[in-house]
Structure formats: C-alpha cells, structure tokens
C-alpha cells in the first residue's frame, strides 16, 4: 500500500513495487522448474520400468530355498536384448491362463535340447544334469516323463522346490518361448538381511 498526492489531496492507492514483481517471477520460475523436474523424474521412471527393470514380489514357495514367499525383487529387462538366456537363469514370464499373473522359475533346458525326467533325475540330451538347485529328488516328472524336444526359441523351466512347483512339466505352463520372457530376476531388495544380487550360475 502506498500514498500518492492527487489534485491537492493525499489518497491511498495500491501499487506493486518492482521487488514484488521480481519475487512473483521468481516464484513462478521455481514452480515451473519443480513441474519440469517432476516430469523428468516420471519419464525416467517410466523408461526404467518399461525397458530396464521392474519391481516384483514372490508369491508362493516354488523357488525355495533360493527365493521365499514375500521376497521383493528387481527384474532385469535389458540383458536379454543383448544376449540369450542361459541355463540356470531365473526368469519371469506371464502365466497364459490368468491375466497379470507372472511365474518365476529357473531355466533348465535350452533351445534345441531334449529334456527328460526319469527316476528323479533330469536328463539333457540323454545325460544327467549335474546341478544343485533342486531341493530334493523329483517325485513327479509330469509331461517330462517322456522326452521333450525344445524348438529354436523354447526353454524348459523348473522351480527350485521341485515337488511344490507348477512349471514346464505341466501342460498349463509347458515350454517357454523366448518372446514371452519378461526378464531375469536380478536383485533381491527385501528382506534387507537377504538383499543382494541373485546367483544364477
């Protein structure tokens, strides 16, 4: 508020000082900068979730003892853009019969191989697979009781908790196509006492 003299009398009129104008400009600039910053963060977050990694959680015990129910993971979605999945990678893929449901399993059989489970053992091209991820002897070979031949883009997966896992032995899961693999389980971020990069090999 300021005073000015008009026709011999003093009257009060509102006016804005130069300092007020500068403060308003500064506030507007800060608001625009904040909006721009939030926009950039949202775009980067979207790009990371879409192309690099995404957060997911484990539901169930099919990957025990490697992963437990409630574990929080970051899934690496970029590695397979540069190389093919390899044996023992832990991968995430959609369950075809239920929307927005994803499975997490370990790759056992690779494209071009023949997989069979007999007498509790896994055979790859007729040779016993020497691995230590399975918790116990496999009781139910499922469809793998007979040799399963994998195509050039197909993978055979199992849960580490072999006798409590729905995996490639079941027709509802079956062979996993390369194009359906979302990514590989990369880092466990929860619980904190088990946080770290997951072992694949």
C-alpha atoms as a PDB file:
ATOM      1  CA  UNK A   1       0.000   0.000   0.000  1.00  0.00           C
ATOM      2  CA  UNK A   2       1.375   3.477  -0.899  1.00  0.00           C
ATOM      3  CA  UNK A   3       0.343   7.091  -0.646  1.00  0.00           C
ATOM      4  CA  UNK A   4       0.174   9.433  -3.636  1.00  0.00           C
ATOM      5  CA  UNK A   5      -0.984  13.015  -3.934  1.00  0.00           C
ATOM      6  CA  UNK A   6      -3.760  13.694  -6.438  1.00  0.00           C
ATOM      7  CA  UNK A   7      -5.183  17.245  -7.069  1.00  0.00           C
ATOM      8  CA  UNK A   8      -4.067  18.603  -3.764  1.00  0.00           C
ATOM      9  CA  UNK A   9      -5.199  15.786  -1.595  1.00  0.00           C
ATOM     10  CA  UNK A  10      -3.477  12.726  -0.366  1.00  0.00           C
ATOM     11  CA  UNK A  11      -5.110   9.456  -1.210  1.00  0.00           C
ATOM     12  CA  UNK A  12      -4.221   5.839  -0.667  1.00  0.00           C
ATOM     13  CA  UNK A  13      -3.820   3.545  -3.638  1.00  0.00           C
ATOM     14  CA  UNK A  14      -2.474   0.054  -4.054  1.00  0.00           C
ATOM     15  CA  UNK A  15       0.625  -0.379  -6.093  1.00  0.00           C
ATOM     16  CA  UNK A  16       3.132  -3.180  -6.664  1.00  0.00           C
ATOM     17  CA  UNK A  17       6.776  -2.481  -6.186  1.00  0.00           C
ATOM     18  CA  UNK A  18       9.478  -3.689  -8.517  1.00  0.00           C
ATOM     19  CA  UNK A  19      10.649  -6.036  -5.796  1.00  0.00           C
ATOM     20  CA  UNK A  20       7.199  -7.629  -5.613  1.00  0.00           C
ATOM     21  CA  UNK A  21       7.240  -8.249  -9.372  1.00  0.00           C
ATOM     22  CA  UNK A  22      10.650  -9.896  -9.155  1.00  0.00           C
ATOM     23  CA  UNK A  23       9.512 -12.111  -6.277  1.00  0.00           C
ATOM     24  CA  UNK A  24       6.452 -13.214  -8.262  1.00  0.00           C
ATOM     25  CA  UNK A  25       8.627 -14.024 -11.279  1.00  0.00           C
ATOM     26  CA  UNK A  26      10.997 -15.978  -9.057  1.00  0.00           C
ATOM     27  CA  UNK A  27       8.118 -17.969  -7.511  1.00  0.00           C
ATOM     28  CA  UNK A  28       6.697 -18.739 -10.948  1.00  0.00           C
ATOM     29  CA  UNK A  29      10.117 -19.824 -12.173  1.00  0.00           C
ATOM     30  CA  UNK A  30      10.552 -22.120  -9.164  1.00  0.00           C
ATOM     31  CA  UNK A  31       7.098 -23.636  -9.752  1.00  0.00           C
ATOM     32  CA  UNK A  32       7.873 -24.281 -13.424  1.00  0.00           C
ATOM     33  CA  UNK A  33      11.245 -25.800 -12.507  1.00  0.00           C
ATOM     34  CA  UNK A  34       9.554 -28.095  -9.987  1.00  0.00           C
ATOM     35  CA  UNK A  35       6.945 -29.183 -12.549  1.00  0.00           C
ATOM     36  CA  UNK A  36       9.704 -29.828 -15.095  1.00  0.00           C
ATOM     37  CA  UNK A  37      11.726 -31.798 -12.516  1.00  0.00           C
ATOM     38  CA  UNK A  38       8.726 -33.974 -11.618  1.00  0.00           C
ATOM     39  CA  UNK A  39       8.022 -34.521 -15.323  1.00  0.00           C
ATOM     40  CA  UNK A  40      11.611 -35.625 -15.976  1.00  0.00           C
ATOM     41  CA  UNK A  41      11.526 -38.000 -12.979  1.00  0.00           C
ATOM     42  CA  UNK A  42       8.257 -39.545 -14.201  1.00  0.00           C
ATOM     43  CA  UNK A  43       9.631 -40.012 -17.730  1.00  0.00           C
ATOM     44  CA  UNK A  44      12.846 -41.606 -16.423  1.00  0.00           C
ATOM     45  CA  UNK A  45      10.842 -43.869 -14.100  1.00  0.00           C
ATOM     46  CA  UNK A  46       8.614 -44.925 -16.996  1.00  0.00           C
ATOM     47  CA  UNK A  47      11.633 -45.691 -19.197  1.00  0.00           C
ATOM     48  CA  UNK A  48      13.311 -47.713 -16.436  1.00  0.00           C
ATOM     49  CA  UNK A  49      10.162 -49.718 -15.710  1.00  0.00           C
ATOM     50  CA  UNK A  50       9.492 -50.282 -19.431  1.00  0.00           C
ATOM     51  CA  UNK A  51      12.975 -51.055 -20.709  1.00  0.00           C
ATOM     52  CA  UNK A  52      15.432 -51.641 -17.853  1.00  0.00           C
ATOM     53  CA  UNK A  53      13.920 -53.152 -14.742  1.00  0.00           C
ATOM     54  CA  UNK A  54      10.754 -53.560 -12.775  1.00  0.00           C
ATOM     55  CA  UNK A  55       9.924 -54.342  -9.192  1.00  0.00           C
ATOM     56  CA  UNK A  56       8.071 -57.565  -8.411  1.00  0.00           C
ATOM     57  CA  UNK A  57       7.395 -59.804  -5.443  1.00  0.00           C
ATOM     58  CA  UNK A  58       7.463 -63.551  -4.948  1.00  0.00           C
ATOM     59  CA  UNK A  59       4.202 -65.265  -4.096  1.00  0.00           C
ATOM     60  CA  UNK A  60       4.455 -68.893  -3.018  1.00  0.00           C
ATOM     61  CA  UNK A  61       7.299 -71.297  -2.250  1.00  0.00           C
ATOM     62  CA  UNK A  62       8.043 -72.859  -5.648  1.00  0.00           C
ATOM     63  CA  UNK A  63      11.551 -71.333  -5.722  1.00  0.00           C
ATOM     64  CA  UNK A  64      12.576 -72.251  -2.166  1.00  0.00           C
ATOM     65  CA  UNK A  65      15.319 -72.168  -0.928  1.00  0.00           C
ATOM     66  CA  UNK A  66      16.582 -69.633  -3.450  1.00  0.00           C
ATOM     67  CA  UNK A  67      13.568 -67.321  -3.129  1.00  0.00           C
ATOM     68  CA  UNK A  68      10.907 -67.169  -0.441  1.00  0.00           C
ATOM     69  CA  UNK A  69       7.318 -66.007  -0.279  1.00  0.00           C
ATOM     70  CA  UNK A  70       7.246 -62.227   0.145  1.00  0.00           C
ATOM     71  CA  UNK A  71      10.691 -61.531  -1.318  1.00  0.00           C
ATOM     72  CA  UNK A  72      10.846 -58.251  -3.249  1.00  0.00           C
ATOM     73  CA  UNK A  73      12.894 -58.325  -6.461  1.00  0.00           C
ATOM     74  CA  UNK A  74      14.104 -56.125  -9.280  1.00  0.00           C
ATOM     75  CA  UNK A  75      13.711 -57.850 -12.650  1.00  0.00           C
ATOM     76  CA  UNK A  76      16.375 -57.027 -15.246  1.00  0.00           C
ATOM     77  CA  UNK A  77      14.577 -56.406 -18.538  1.00  0.00           C
ATOM     78  CA  UNK A  78      17.531 -55.234 -20.615  1.00  0.00           C
ATOM     79  CA  UNK A  79      20.131 -58.050 -20.526  1.00  0.00           C
ATOM     80  CA  UNK A  80      18.209 -60.281 -22.924  1.00  0.00           C
ATOM     81  CA  UNK A  81      18.213 -57.515 -25.506  1.00  0.00           C
ATOM     82  CA  UNK A  82      21.937 -58.209 -25.883  1.00  0.00           C
ATOM     83  CA  UNK A  83      22.251 -61.925 -25.180  1.00  0.00           C
ATOM     84  CA  UNK A  84      20.112 -65.056 -24.997  1.00  0.00           C
ATOM     85  CA  UNK A  85      19.005 -66.569 -21.698  1.00  0.00           C
ATOM     86  CA  UNK A  86      21.354 -69.242 -20.388  1.00  0.00           C
ATOM     87  CA  UNK A  87      20.894 -72.337 -18.266  1.00  0.00           C
ATOM     88  CA  UNK A  88      20.113 -71.654 -14.590  1.00  0.00           C
ATOM     89  CA  UNK A  89      18.951 -68.074 -15.201  1.00  0.00           C
ATOM     90  CA  UNK A  90      15.935 -67.262 -13.012  1.00  0.00           C
ATOM     91  CA  UNK A  91      13.364 -65.769 -15.354  1.00  0.00           C
ATOM     92  CA  UNK A  92       9.960 -64.092 -15.137  1.00  0.00           C
ATOM     93  CA  UNK A  93       7.228 -64.838 -17.689  1.00  0.00           C
ATOM     94  CA  UNK A  94       3.440 -64.452 -17.876  1.00  0.00           C
ATOM     95  CA  UNK A  95       1.076 -67.245 -16.923  1.00  0.00           C
ATOM     96  CA  UNK A  96      -1.039 -67.712 -20.041  1.00  0.00           C
ATOM     97  CA  UNK A  97      -4.302 -68.576 -18.281  1.00  0.00           C
ATOM     98  CA  UNK A  98      -4.503 -65.694 -15.826  1.00  0.00           C
ATOM     99  CA  UNK A  99      -4.085 -62.025 -16.708  1.00  0.00           C
ATOM    100  CA  UNK A 100      -1.473 -60.024 -14.777  1.00  0.00           C
ATOM    101  CA  UNK A 101      -0.036 -63.203 -13.248  1.00  0.00           C
ATOM    102  CA  UNK A 102       3.650 -63.941 -13.728  1.00  0.00           C
ATOM    103  CA  UNK A 103       5.733 -67.001 -12.896  1.00  0.00           C
ATOM    104  CA  UNK A 104       9.338 -67.023 -11.744  1.00  0.00           C
ATOM    105  CA  UNK A 105      11.343 -70.182 -12.493  1.00  0.00           C
ATOM    106  CA  UNK A 106      14.834 -71.392 -13.343  1.00  0.00           C
ATOM    107  CA  UNK A 107      15.874 -72.278 -16.894  1.00  0.00           C
ATOM    108  CA  UNK A 108      16.888 -75.931 -17.152  1.00  0.00           C
ATOM    109  CA  UNK A 109      16.558 -76.806 -20.836  1.00  0.00           C
ATOM    110  CA  UNK A 110      17.784 -74.650 -23.730  1.00  0.00           C
ATOM    111  CA  UNK A 111      16.647 -74.330 -27.363  1.00  0.00           C
ATOM    112  CA  UNK A 112      17.469 -77.404 -29.433  1.00  0.00           C
ATOM    113  CA  UNK A 113      17.893 -79.683 -26.399  1.00  0.00           C
ATOM    114  CA  UNK A 114      15.840 -82.679 -25.316  1.00  0.00           C
ATOM    115  CA  UNK A 115      14.740 -82.788 -21.688  1.00  0.00           C
ATOM    116  CA  UNK A 116      13.524 -85.800 -19.750  1.00  0.00           C
ATOM    117  CA  UNK A 117      12.993 -86.572 -16.078  1.00  0.00           C
ATOM    118  CA  UNK A 118      13.422 -90.201 -15.055  1.00  0.00           C
ATOM    119  CA  UNK A 119      13.940 -91.803 -11.640  1.00  0.00           C
ATOM    120  CA  UNK A 120      14.114 -88.355 -10.057  1.00  0.00           C
ATOM    121  CA  UNK A 121      16.937 -87.157 -12.306  1.00  0.00           C
ATOM    122  CA  UNK A 122      16.946 -84.511 -15.048  1.00  0.00           C
ATOM    123  CA  UNK A 123      18.400 -85.621 -18.358  1.00  0.00           C
ATOM    124  CA  UNK A 124      19.577 -83.203 -21.053  1.00  0.00           C
ATOM    125  CA  UNK A 125      20.163 -84.907 -24.395  1.00  0.00           C
ATOM    126  CA  UNK A 126      20.403 -88.232 -22.586  1.00  0.00           C
ATOM    127  CA  UNK A 127      22.951 -87.066 -19.986  1.00  0.00           C
ATOM    128  CA  UNK A 128      22.191 -86.495 -16.305  1.00  0.00           C
ATOM    129  CA  UNK A 129      22.251 -82.773 -15.491  1.00  0.00           C
ATOM    130  CA  UNK A 130      24.663 -82.109 -12.637  1.00  0.00           C
ATOM    131  CA  UNK A 131      23.045 -79.274 -10.706  1.00  0.00           C
ATOM    132  CA  UNK A 132      22.367 -78.462  -7.073  1.00  0.00           C
ATOM    133  CA  UNK A 133      19.410 -76.089  -7.216  1.00  0.00           C
ATOM    134  CA  UNK A 134      16.708 -78.711  -6.671  1.00  0.00           C
ATOM    135  CA  UNK A 135      15.887 -79.284  -3.010  1.00  0.00           C
ATOM    136  CA  UNK A 136      15.041 -82.980  -3.329  1.00  0.00           C
ATOM    137  CA  UNK A 137      14.547 -85.888  -5.694  1.00  0.00           C
ATOM    138  CA  UNK A 138      11.804 -85.154  -8.216  1.00  0.00           C
ATOM    139  CA  UNK A 139       8.760 -87.329  -7.492  1.00  0.00           C
ATOM    140  CA  UNK A 140       6.529 -86.243 -10.388  1.00  0.00           C
ATOM    141  CA  UNK A 141       8.132 -85.851 -13.823  1.00  0.00           C
ATOM    142  CA  UNK A 142       4.840 -84.709 -15.362  1.00  0.00           C
ATOM    143  CA  UNK A 143       4.982 -84.415 -19.140  1.00  0.00           C
ATOM    144  CA  UNK A 144       8.783 -84.753 -18.933  1.00  0.00           C
ATOM    145  CA  UNK A 145       8.392 -88.452 -18.192  1.00  0.00           C
ATOM    146  CA  UNK A 146       8.712 -88.658 -21.962  1.00  0.00           C
ATOM    147  CA  UNK A 147      11.475 -86.768 -23.814  1.00  0.00           C
ATOM    148  CA  UNK A 148      10.551 -83.153 -24.570  1.00  0.00           C
ATOM    149  CA  UNK A 149      12.257 -81.586 -27.588  1.00  0.00           C
ATOM    150  CA  UNK A 150      12.727 -77.829 -27.427  1.00  0.00           C
ATOM    151  CA  UNK A 151      12.415 -75.654 -30.524  1.00  0.00           C
ATOM    152  CA  UNK A 152      14.836 -72.919 -31.528  1.00  0.00           C
ATOM    153  CA  UNK A 153      13.158 -70.358 -29.259  1.00  0.00           C
ATOM    154  CA  UNK A 154      11.871 -72.628 -26.454  1.00  0.00           C
ATOM    155  CA  UNK A 155      13.029 -73.129 -22.867  1.00  0.00           C
ATOM    156  CA  UNK A 156      12.209 -75.702 -20.204  1.00  0.00           C
ATOM    157  CA  UNK A 157      11.904 -74.272 -16.687  1.00  0.00           C
ATOM    158  CA  UNK A 158      11.589 -75.715 -13.195  1.00  0.00           C
ATOM    159  CA  UNK A 159      11.063 -74.274  -9.746  1.00  0.00           C
ATOM    160  CA  UNK A 160      13.880 -74.969  -7.289  1.00  0.00           C
ATOM    161  CA  UNK A 161      11.313 -76.504  -4.927  1.00  0.00           C
ATOM    162  CA  UNK A 162      10.804 -79.289  -7.443  1.00  0.00           C
ATOM    163  CA  UNK A 163       7.999 -81.127  -5.662  1.00  0.00           C
ATOM    164  CA  UNK A 164       5.960 -77.985  -4.998  1.00  0.00           C
ATOM    165  CA  UNK A 165       6.238 -76.143  -8.285  1.00  0.00           C
ATOM    166  CA  UNK A 166       3.984 -75.571 -11.271  1.00  0.00           C
ATOM    167  CA  UNK A 167       6.433 -75.402 -14.184  1.00  0.00           C
ATOM    168  CA  UNK A 168       7.251 -76.790 -17.631  1.00  0.00           C
ATOM    169  CA  UNK A 169       6.245 -80.283 -16.503  1.00  0.00           C
ATOM    170  CA  UNK A 170       2.622 -79.129 -16.546  1.00  0.00           C
ATOM    171  CA  UNK A 171       0.691 -78.556 -19.788  1.00  0.00           C
ATOM    172  CA  UNK A 172      -0.676 -75.262 -18.390  1.00  0.00           C
ATOM    173  CA  UNK A 173       2.888 -73.906 -18.358  1.00  0.00           C
ATOM    174  CA  UNK A 174       4.792 -76.040 -20.835  1.00  0.00           C
ATOM    175  CA  UNK A 175       7.668 -74.722 -22.915  1.00  0.00           C
ATOM    176  CA  UNK A 176       8.500 -71.048 -22.534  1.00  0.00           C
ATOM    177  CA  UNK A 177       9.020 -69.070 -25.728  1.00  0.00           C
ATOM    178  CA  UNK A 178      11.831 -66.534 -25.925  1.00  0.00           C
ATOM    179  CA  UNK A 179       9.450 -63.674 -26.761  1.00  0.00           C
ATOM    180  CA  UNK A 180       7.427 -64.314 -23.589  1.00  0.00           C
ATOM    181  CA  UNK A 181      10.330 -63.866 -21.180  1.00  0.00           C
ATOM    182  CA  UNK A 182       9.936 -60.547 -19.357  1.00  0.00           C
ATOM    183  CA  UNK A 183      13.450 -60.625 -17.903  1.00  0.00           C
ATOM    184  CA  UNK A 184      15.609 -62.276 -15.305  1.00  0.00           C
ATOM    185  CA  UNK A 185      15.420 -61.904 -11.552  1.00  0.00           C
ATOM    186  CA  UNK A 186      18.364 -59.665 -10.756  1.00  0.00           C
ATOM    187  CA  UNK A 187      18.410 -58.192  -7.254  1.00  0.00           C
ATOM    188  CA  UNK A 188      16.553 -59.051  -4.072  1.00  0.00           C
ATOM    189  CA  UNK A 189      15.747 -55.805  -2.242  1.00  0.00           C
ATOM    190  CA  UNK A 190      13.638 -57.264   0.569  1.00  0.00           C
ATOM    191  CA  UNK A 191      14.037 -58.601   3.190  1.00  0.00           C
ATOM    192  CA  UNK A 192      17.071 -56.460   3.917  1.00  0.00           C
ATOM    193  CA  UNK A 193      19.018 -59.256   5.606  1.00  0.00           C
ATOM    194  CA  UNK A 194      18.901 -61.231   2.314  1.00  0.00           C
ATOM    195  CA  UNK A 195      19.265 -58.283  -0.080  1.00  0.00           C
ATOM    196  CA  UNK A 196      21.744 -58.585  -2.933  1.00  0.00           C
ATOM    197  CA  UNK A 197      22.353 -59.829  -6.459  1.00  0.00           C
ATOM    198  CA  UNK A 198      20.835 -63.262  -7.087  1.00  0.00           C
ATOM    199  CA  UNK A 199      23.026 -66.186  -8.007  1.00  0.00           C
ATOM    200  CA  UNK A 200      22.265 -67.634 -11.449  1.00  0.00           C
ATOM    201  CA  UNK A 201      25.250 -69.859 -12.090  1.00  0.00           C
END
